[in-house]
Amino acid sequence: MLRQLATRNATKSVRAFSISRRAMVEGPSRTDSFKDRENAQEGAYIKKHEAEQLKKLKERLEEQKKVVDKLEKDLKNFKN
């Protein structure tokens, strides 16, 4: 009888240990809706930020083109 009690207790503790170990190894699920929403918001922020940077670069390019055109015009006037 003592052997049966010891075997039952050992089996229960091993099962509890194996379940908790599996949970620790696997960690939280990766399909969490909060994580999905966070990734979507992060993607939207990055897209908006890159669009702003592209707009600024295009504006700087236009300014530089104007400067180059002015310098070319001055160079032609200088030669004449």
PDB file of N, CA and C in Angstrom:
ATOM      1  N   MET A   1       0.819  -1.187   0.000  1.00  0.00           N
ATOM      2  CA  MET A   1       0.000   0.000   0.000  1.00  0.00           C
ATOM      3  C   MET A   1       0.870   1.260   0.000  1.00  0.00           C
ATOM      4  N   LEU A   2       1.914   1.264   0.785  1.00  0.00           N
ATOM      5  CA  LEU A   2       2.815   2.408   0.826  1.00  0.00           C
ATOM      6  C   LEU A   2       3.474   2.624  -0.538  1.00  0.00           C
ATOM      7  N   ARG A   3       3.796   1.526  -1.191  1.00  0.00           N
ATOM      8  CA  ARG A   3       4.395   1.609  -2.511  1.00  0.00           C
ATOM      9  C   ARG A   3       3.426   2.265  -3.504  1.00  0.00           C
ATOM     10  N   GLN A   4       2.158   1.949  -3.450  1.00  0.00           N
ATOM     11  CA  GLN A   4       1.164   2.521  -4.354  1.00  0.00           C
ATOM     12  C   GLN A   4       1.020   4.020  -4.131  1.00  0.00           C
ATOM     13  N   LEU A   5       1.027   4.442  -2.870  1.00  0.00           N
ATOM     14  CA  LEU A   5       0.928   5.873  -2.578  1.00  0.00           C
ATOM     15  C   LEU A   5       2.159   6.611  -3.099  1.00  0.00           C
ATOM     16  N   ALA A   6       3.326   6.039  -2.895  1.00  0.00           N
ATOM     17  CA  ALA A   6       4.558   6.671  -3.364  1.00  0.00           C
ATOM     18  C   ALA A   6       4.571   6.766  -4.878  1.00  0.00           C
ATOM     19  N   THR A   7       4.089   5.719  -5.553  1.00  0.00           N
ATOM     20  CA  THR A   7       4.050   5.716  -7.011  1.00  0.00           C
ATOM     21  C   THR A   7       3.058   6.756  -7.522  1.00  0.00           C
ATOM     22  N   ARG A   8       1.905   6.866  -6.901  1.00  0.00           N
ATOM     23  CA  ARG A   8       0.907   7.858  -7.319  1.00  0.00           C
ATOM     24  C   ARG A   8       1.434   9.277  -7.139  1.00  0.00           C
ATOM     25  N   ASN A   9       2.045   9.548  -6.009  1.00  0.00           N
ATOM     26  CA  ASN A   9       2.566  10.890  -5.752  1.00  0.00           C
ATOM     27  C   ASN A   9       3.691  11.232  -6.722  1.00  0.00           C
ATOM     28  N   ALA A  10       4.538  10.260  -7.002  1.00  0.00           N
ATOM     29  CA  ALA A  10       5.643  10.501  -7.939  1.00  0.00           C
ATOM     30  C   ALA A  10       5.100  10.768  -9.339  1.00  0.00           C
ATOM     31  N   THR A  11       4.088  10.040  -9.745  1.00  0.00           N
ATOM     32  CA  THR A  11       3.510  10.231 -11.071  1.00  0.00           C
ATOM     33  C   THR A  11       2.867  11.602 -11.192  1.00  0.00           C
ATOM     34  N   LYS A  12       2.160  12.023 -10.176  1.00  0.00           N
ATOM     35  CA  LYS A  12       1.514  13.328 -10.219  1.00  0.00           C
ATOM     36  C   LYS A  12       2.547  14.446 -10.278  1.00  0.00           C
ATOM     37  N   SER A  13       3.608  14.361  -9.508  1.00  0.00           N
ATOM     38  CA  SER A  13       4.604  15.424  -9.505  1.00  0.00           C
ATOM     39  C   SER A  13       5.369  15.463 -10.822  1.00  0.00           C
ATOM     40  N   VAL A  14       5.611  14.301 -11.413  1.00  0.00           N
ATOM     41  CA  VAL A  14       6.296  14.281 -12.694  1.00  0.00           C
ATOM     42  C   VAL A  14       5.412  14.906 -13.759  1.00  0.00           C
ATOM     43  N   ARG A  15       4.144  14.607 -13.740  1.00  0.00           N
ATOM     44  CA  ARG A  15       3.237  15.192 -14.725  1.00  0.00           C
ATOM     45  C   ARG A  15       3.170  16.709 -14.577  1.00  0.00           C
ATOM     46  N   ALA A  16       3.057  17.171 -13.359  1.00  0.00           N
ATOM     47  CA  ALA A  16       2.993  18.612 -13.133  1.00  0.00           C
ATOM     48  C   ALA A  16       4.292  19.277 -13.579  1.00  0.00           C
ATOM     49  N   PHE A  17       5.397  18.618 -13.335  1.00  0.00           N
ATOM     50  CA  PHE A  17       6.679  19.186 -13.730  1.00  0.00           C
ATOM     51  C   PHE A  17       6.795  19.236 -15.252  1.00  0.00           C
ATOM     52  N   SER A  18       6.393  18.167 -15.911  1.00  0.00           N
ATOM     53  CA  SER A  18       6.529  18.145 -17.358  1.00  0.00           C
ATOM     54  C   SER A  18       5.608  19.176 -18.019  1.00  0.00           C
ATOM     55  N   ILE A  19       4.443  19.390 -17.474  1.00  0.00           N
ATOM     56  CA  ILE A  19       3.536  20.390 -18.038  1.00  0.00           C
ATOM     57  C   ILE A  19       4.110  21.787 -17.844  1.00  0.00           C
ATOM     58  N   SER A  20       4.596  22.073 -16.661  1.00  0.00           N
ATOM     59  CA  SER A  20       5.133  23.413 -16.417  1.00  0.00           C
ATOM     60  C   SER A  20       6.400  23.631 -17.226  1.00  0.00           C
ATOM     61  N   ARG A  21       7.187  22.586 -17.410  1.00  0.00           N
ATOM     62  CA  ARG A  21       8.400  22.743 -18.209  1.00  0.00           C
ATOM     63  C   ARG A  21       8.036  23.028 -19.661  1.00  0.00           C
ATOM     64  N   ARG A  22       7.039  22.362 -20.184  1.00  0.00           N
ATOM     65  CA  ARG A  22       6.613  22.600 -21.556  1.00  0.00           C
ATOM     66  C   ARG A  22       6.132  24.039 -21.710  1.00  0.00           C
ATOM     67  N   ALA A  23       5.397  24.523 -20.750  1.00  0.00           N
ATOM     68  CA  ALA A  23       4.893  25.899 -20.814  1.00  0.00           C
ATOM     69  C   ALA A  23       6.048  26.887 -20.773  1.00  0.00           C
ATOM     70  N   MET A  24       7.071  26.598 -19.980  1.00  0.00           N
ATOM     71  CA  MET A  24       8.220  27.509 -19.896  1.00  0.00           C
ATOM     72  C   MET A  24       9.007  27.496 -21.195  1.00  0.00           C
ATOM     73  N   VAL A  25       9.142  26.358 -21.847  1.00  0.00           N
ATOM     74  CA  VAL A  25       9.915  26.263 -23.075  1.00  0.00           C
ATOM     75  C   VAL A  25       9.173  26.936 -24.226  1.00  0.00           C
ATOM     76  N   GLU A  26       7.882  26.670 -24.353  1.00  0.00           N
ATOM     77  CA  GLU A  26       7.112  27.223 -25.462  1.00  0.00           C
ATOM     78  C   GLU A  26       6.855  28.705 -25.307  1.00  0.00           C
ATOM     79  N   GLY A  27       6.669  29.169 -24.086  1.00  0.00           N
ATOM     80  CA  GLY A  27       6.410  30.577 -23.852  1.00  0.00           C
ATOM     81  C   GLY A  27       5.026  30.970 -24.297  1.00  0.00           C
ATOM     82  N   PRO A  28       4.731  32.264 -24.342  1.00  0.00           N
ATOM     83  CA  PRO A  28       3.400  32.717 -24.754  1.00  0.00           C
ATOM     84  C   PRO A  28       3.191  32.458 -26.236  1.00  0.00           C
ATOM     85  N   SER A  29       1.926  32.371 -26.617  1.00  0.00           N
ATOM     86  CA  SER A  29       1.619  32.087 -28.021  1.00  0.00           C
ATOM     87  C   SER A  29       2.018  33.267 -28.893  1.00  0.00           C
ATOM     88  N   ARG A  30       2.438  32.978 -30.089  1.00  0.00           N
ATOM     89  CA  ARG A  30       2.886  34.017 -31.018  1.00  0.00           C
ATOM     90  C   ARG A  30       1.728  34.621 -31.807  1.00  0.00           C
ATOM     91  N   THR A  31       0.556  34.063 -31.688  1.00  0.00           N
ATOM     92  CA  THR A  31      -0.585  34.568 -32.448  1.00  0.00           C
ATOM     93  C   THR A  31      -1.472  35.451 -31.582  1.00  0.00           C
ATOM     94  N   ASP A  32      -0.860  36.179 -30.713  1.00  0.00           N
ATOM     95  CA  ASP A  32      -1.589  37.057 -29.811  1.00  0.00           C
ATOM     96  C   ASP A  32      -2.114  38.263 -30.592  1.00  0.00           C
ATOM     97  N   SER A  33      -3.375  38.600 -30.410  1.00  0.00           N
ATOM     98  CA  SER A  33      -3.957  39.713 -31.167  1.00  0.00           C
ATOM     99  C   SER A  33      -3.299  41.045 -30.791  1.00  0.00           C
ATOM    100  N   PHE A  34      -2.872  41.175 -29.551  1.00  0.00           N
ATOM    101  CA  PHE A  34      -2.183  42.405 -29.150  1.00  0.00           C
ATOM    102  C   PHE A  34      -0.875  42.547 -29.919  1.00  0.00           C
ATOM    103  N   LYS A  35      -0.142  41.463 -30.055  1.00  0.00           N
ATOM    104  CA  LYS A  35       1.125  41.495 -30.784  1.00  0.00           C
ATOM    105  C   LYS A  35       0.883  41.812 -32.258  1.00  0.00           C
ATOM    106  N   ASP A  36      -0.179  41.241 -32.838  1.00  0.00           N
ATOM    107  CA  ASP A  36      -0.509  41.530 -34.232  1.00  0.00           C
ATOM    108  C   ASP A  36      -0.832  43.008 -34.419  1.00  0.00           C
ATOM    109  N   ARG A  37      -1.611  43.563 -33.502  1.00  0.00           N
ATOM    110  CA  ARG A  37      -1.978  44.978 -33.594  1.00  0.00           C
ATOM    111  C   ARG A  37      -0.741  45.857 -33.428  1.00  0.00           C
ATOM    112  N   GLU A  38       0.136  45.474 -32.505  1.00  0.00           N
ATOM    113  CA  GLU A  38       1.358  46.236 -32.289  1.00  0.00           C
ATOM    114  C   GLU A  38       2.233  46.227 -33.542  1.00  0.00           C
ATOM    115  N   ASN A  39       2.358  45.072 -34.181  1.00  0.00           N
ATOM    116  CA  ASN A  39       3.146  44.975 -35.413  1.00  0.00           C
ATOM    117  C   ASN A  39       2.532  45.825 -36.519  1.00  0.00           C
ATOM    118  N   ALA A  40       1.220  45.842 -36.609  1.00  0.00           N
ATOM    119  CA  ALA A  40       0.549  46.654 -37.637  1.00  0.00           C
ATOM    120  C   ALA A  40       0.790  48.140 -37.391  1.00  0.00           C
ATOM    121  N   GLN A  41       0.696  48.561 -36.142  1.00  0.00           N
ATOM    122  CA  GLN A  41       0.927  49.974 -35.821  1.00  0.00           C
ATOM    123  C   GLN A  41       2.375  50.356 -36.086  1.00  0.00           C
ATOM    124  N   GLU A  42       3.284  49.457 -35.769  1.00  0.00           N
ATOM    125  CA  GLU A  42       4.693  49.731 -36.013  1.00  0.00           C
ATOM    126  C   GLU A  42       4.962  49.857 -37.515  1.00  0.00           C
ATOM    127  N   GLY A  43       4.360  48.981 -38.299  1.00  0.00           N
ATOM    128  CA  GLY A  43       4.515  49.054 -39.755  1.00  0.00           C
ATOM    129  C   GLY A  43       3.959  50.342 -40.318  1.00  0.00           C
ATOM    130  N   ALA A  44       2.811  50.775 -39.811  1.00  0.00           N
ATOM    131  CA  ALA A  44       2.217  52.028 -40.272  1.00  0.00           C
ATOM    132  C   ALA A  44       3.092  53.222 -39.905  1.00  0.00           C
ATOM    133  N   TYR A  45       3.665  53.198 -38.706  1.00  0.00           N
ATOM    134  CA  TYR A  45       4.546  54.290 -38.273  1.00  0.00           C
ATOM    135  C   TYR A  45       5.782  54.360 -39.166  1.00  0.00           C
ATOM    136  N   ILE A  46       6.370  53.204 -39.446  1.00  0.00           N
ATOM    137  CA  ILE A  46       7.575  53.173 -40.277  1.00  0.00           C
ATOM    138  C   ILE A  46       7.253  53.680 -41.680  1.00  0.00           C
ATOM    139  N   LYS A  47       6.132  53.255 -42.230  1.00  0.00           N
ATOM    140  CA  LYS A  47       5.743  53.694 -43.573  1.00  0.00           C
ATOM    141  C   LYS A  47       5.546  55.204 -43.615  1.00  0.00           C
ATOM    142  N   LYS A  48       4.888  55.752 -42.591  1.00  0.00           N
ATOM    143  CA  LYS A  48       4.659  57.200 -42.526  1.00  0.00           C
ATOM    144  C   LYS A  48       5.990  57.944 -42.395  1.00  0.00           C
ATOM    145  N   HIS A  49       6.870  57.436 -41.557  1.00  0.00           N
ATOM    146  CA  HIS A  49       8.172  58.073 -41.341  1.00  0.00           C
ATOM    147  C   HIS A  49       8.998  58.059 -42.633  1.00  0.00           C
ATOM    148  N   GLU A  50       9.004  56.934 -43.324  1.00  0.00           N
ATOM    149  CA  GLU A  50       9.750  56.853 -44.581  1.00  0.00           C
ATOM    150  C   GLU A  50       9.161  57.777 -45.639  1.00  0.00           C
ATOM    151  N   ALA A  51       7.840  57.921 -45.667  1.00  0.00           N
ATOM    152  CA  ALA A  51       7.204  58.829 -46.621  1.00  0.00           C
ATOM    153  C   ALA A  51       7.612  60.270 -46.338  1.00  0.00           C
ATOM    154  N   GLU A  52       7.685  60.633 -45.058  1.00  0.00           N
ATOM    155  CA  GLU A  52       8.116  61.988 -44.695  1.00  0.00           C
ATOM    156  C   GLU A  52       9.560  62.222 -45.108  1.00  0.00           C
ATOM    157  N   GLN A  53      10.418  61.231 -44.880  1.00  0.00           N
ATOM    158  CA  GLN A  53      11.815  61.373 -45.274  1.00  0.00           C
ATOM    159  C   GLN A  53      11.943  61.508 -46.789  1.00  0.00           C
ATOM    160  N   LEU A  54      11.177  60.723 -47.534  1.00  0.00           N
ATOM    161  CA  LEU A  54      11.218  60.793 -48.989  1.00  0.00           C
ATOM    162  C   LEU A  54      10.754  62.163 -49.480  1.00  0.00           C
ATOM    163  N   LYS A  55       9.724  62.687 -48.845  1.00  0.00           N
ATOM    164  CA  LYS A  55       9.226  64.008 -49.227  1.00  0.00           C
ATOM    165  C   LYS A  55      10.302  65.073 -48.995  1.00  0.00           C
ATOM    166  N   LYS A  56      10.975  65.014 -47.853  1.00  0.00           N
ATOM    167  CA  LYS A  56      12.042  65.973 -47.557  1.00  0.00           C
ATOM    168  C   LYS A  56      13.185  65.855 -48.560  1.00  0.00           C
ATOM    169  N   LEU A  57      13.536  64.615 -48.907  1.00  0.00           N
ATOM    170  CA  LEU A  57      14.615  64.421 -49.871  1.00  0.00           C
ATOM    171  C   LEU A  57      14.245  64.963 -51.244  1.00  0.00           C
ATOM    172  N   LYS A  58      13.008  64.778 -51.646  1.00  0.00           N
ATOM    173  CA  LYS A  58      12.562  65.309 -52.937  1.00  0.00           C
ATOM    174  C   LYS A  58      12.604  66.828 -52.942  1.00  0.00           C
ATOM    175  N   GLU A  59      12.213  67.442 -51.819  1.00  0.00           N
ATOM    176  CA  GLU A  59      12.276  68.906 -51.714  1.00  0.00           C
ATOM    177  C   GLU A  59      13.719  69.391 -51.814  1.00  0.00           C
ATOM    178  N   ARG A  60      14.635  68.699 -51.134  1.00  0.00           N
ATOM    179  CA  ARG A  60      16.047  69.084 -51.199  1.00  0.00           C
ATOM    180  C   ARG A  60      16.590  68.910 -52.606  1.00  0.00           C
ATOM    181  N   LEU A  61      16.136  67.859 -53.295  1.00  0.00           N
ATOM    182  CA  LEU A  61      16.578  67.634 -54.673  1.00  0.00           C
ATOM    183  C   LEU A  61      16.121  68.773 -55.569  1.00  0.00           C
ATOM    184  N   GLU A  62      14.882  69.207 -55.408  1.00  0.00           N
ATOM    185  CA  GLU A  62      14.374  70.326 -56.209  1.00  0.00           C
ATOM    186  C   GLU A  62      15.176  71.597 -55.935  1.00  0.00           C
ATOM    187  N   GLU A  63      15.503  71.841 -54.677  1.00  0.00           N
ATOM    188  CA  GLU A  63      16.305  73.015 -54.333  1.00  0.00           C
ATOM    189  C   GLU A  63      17.678  72.937 -54.989  1.00  0.00           C
ATOM    190  N   GLN A  64      18.271  71.763 -54.956  1.00  0.00           N
ATOM    191  CA  GLN A  64      19.590  71.594 -55.559  1.00  0.00           C
ATOM    192  C   GLN A  64      19.532  71.762 -57.070  1.00  0.00           C
ATOM    193  N   LYS A  65      18.464  71.280 -57.679  1.00  0.00           N
ATOM    194  CA  LYS A  65      18.308  71.476 -59.121  1.00  0.00           C
ATOM    195  C   LYS A  65      18.224  72.956 -59.463  1.00  0.00           C
ATOM    196  N   LYS A  66      17.506  73.716 -58.630  1.00  0.00           N
ATOM    197  CA  LYS A  66      17.411  75.164 -58.849  1.00  0.00           C
ATOM    198  C   LYS A  66      18.780  75.820 -58.735  1.00  0.00           C
ATOM    199  N   VAL A  67      19.555  75.391 -57.754  1.00  0.00           N
ATOM    200  CA  VAL A  67      20.899  75.952 -57.563  1.00  0.00           C
ATOM    201  C   VAL A  67      21.779  75.630 -58.769  1.00  0.00           C
ATOM    202  N   VAL A  68      21.711  74.398 -59.240  1.00  0.00           N
ATOM    203  CA  VAL A  68      22.514  73.992 -60.397  1.00  0.00           C
ATOM    204  C   VAL A  68      22.104  74.790 -61.627  1.00  0.00           C
ATOM    205  N   ASP A  69      20.805  74.948 -61.837  1.00  0.00           N
ATOM    206  CA  ASP A  69      20.327  75.730 -62.987  1.00  0.00           C
ATOM    207  C   ASP A  69      20.820  77.167 -62.902  1.00  0.00           C
ATOM    208  N   LYS A  70      20.781  77.742 -61.725  1.00  0.00           N
ATOM    209  CA  LYS A  70      21.251  79.118 -61.547  1.00  0.00           C
ATOM    210  C   LYS A  70      22.746  79.223 -61.834  1.00  0.00           C
ATOM    211  N   LEU A  71      23.507  78.244 -61.341  1.00  0.00           N
ATOM    212  CA  LEU A  71      24.949  78.269 -61.585  1.00  0.00           C
ATOM    213  C   LEU A  71      25.264  78.089 -63.072  1.00  0.00           C
ATOM    214  N   GLU A  72      24.526  77.231 -63.756  1.00  0.00           N
ATOM    215  CA  GLU A  72      24.730  77.057 -65.198  1.00  0.00           C
ATOM    216  C   GLU A  72      24.402  78.343 -65.948  1.00  0.00           C
ATOM    217  N   LYS A  73      23.349  79.008 -65.525  1.00  0.00           N
ATOM    218  CA  LYS A  73      22.967  80.273 -66.151  1.00  0.00           C
ATOM    219  C   LYS A  73      24.044  81.328 -65.915  1.00  0.00           C
ATOM    220  N   ASP A  74      24.548  81.401 -64.689  1.00  0.00           N
ATOM    221  CA  ASP A  74      25.624  82.358 -64.385  1.00  0.00           C
ATOM    222  C   ASP A  74      26.885  82.048 -65.180  1.00  0.00           C
ATOM    223  N   LEU A  75      27.164  80.776 -65.363  1.00  0.00           N
ATOM    224  CA  LEU A  75      28.342  80.374 -66.121  1.00  0.00           C
ATOM    225  C   LEU A  75      28.203  80.781 -67.589  1.00  0.00           C
ATOM    226  N   LYS A  76      27.019  80.610 -68.145  1.00  0.00           N
ATOM    227  CA  LYS A  76      26.791  81.013 -69.543  1.00  0.00           C
ATOM    228  C   LYS A  76      26.917  82.527 -69.664  1.00  0.00           C
ATOM    229  N   ASN A  77      26.370  83.263 -68.699  1.00  0.00           N
ATOM    230  CA  ASN A  77      26.477  84.732 -68.734  1.00  0.00           C
ATOM    231  C   ASN A  77      27.921  85.184 -68.566  1.00  0.00           C
ATOM    232  N   PHE A  78      28.686  84.462 -67.816  1.00  0.00           N
ATOM    233  CA  PHE A  78      30.073  84.827 -67.580  1.00  0.00           C
ATOM    234  C   PHE A  78      30.913  84.635 -68.848  1.00  0.00           C
ATOM    235  N   LYS A  79      30.604  83.560 -69.593  1.00  0.00           N
ATOM    236  CA  LYS A  79      31.313  83.295 -70.831  1.00  0.00           C
ATOM    237  C   LYS A  79      31.005  84.326 -71.901  1.00  0.00           C
ATOM    238  N   ASN A  80      29.818  84.852 -71.906  1.00  0.00           N
ATOM    239  CA  ASN A  80      29.435  85.842 -72.936  1.00  0.00           C
ATOM    240  C   ASN A  80      29.957  87.160 -72.595  1.00  0.00           C
TER     241      ASN A  80
END
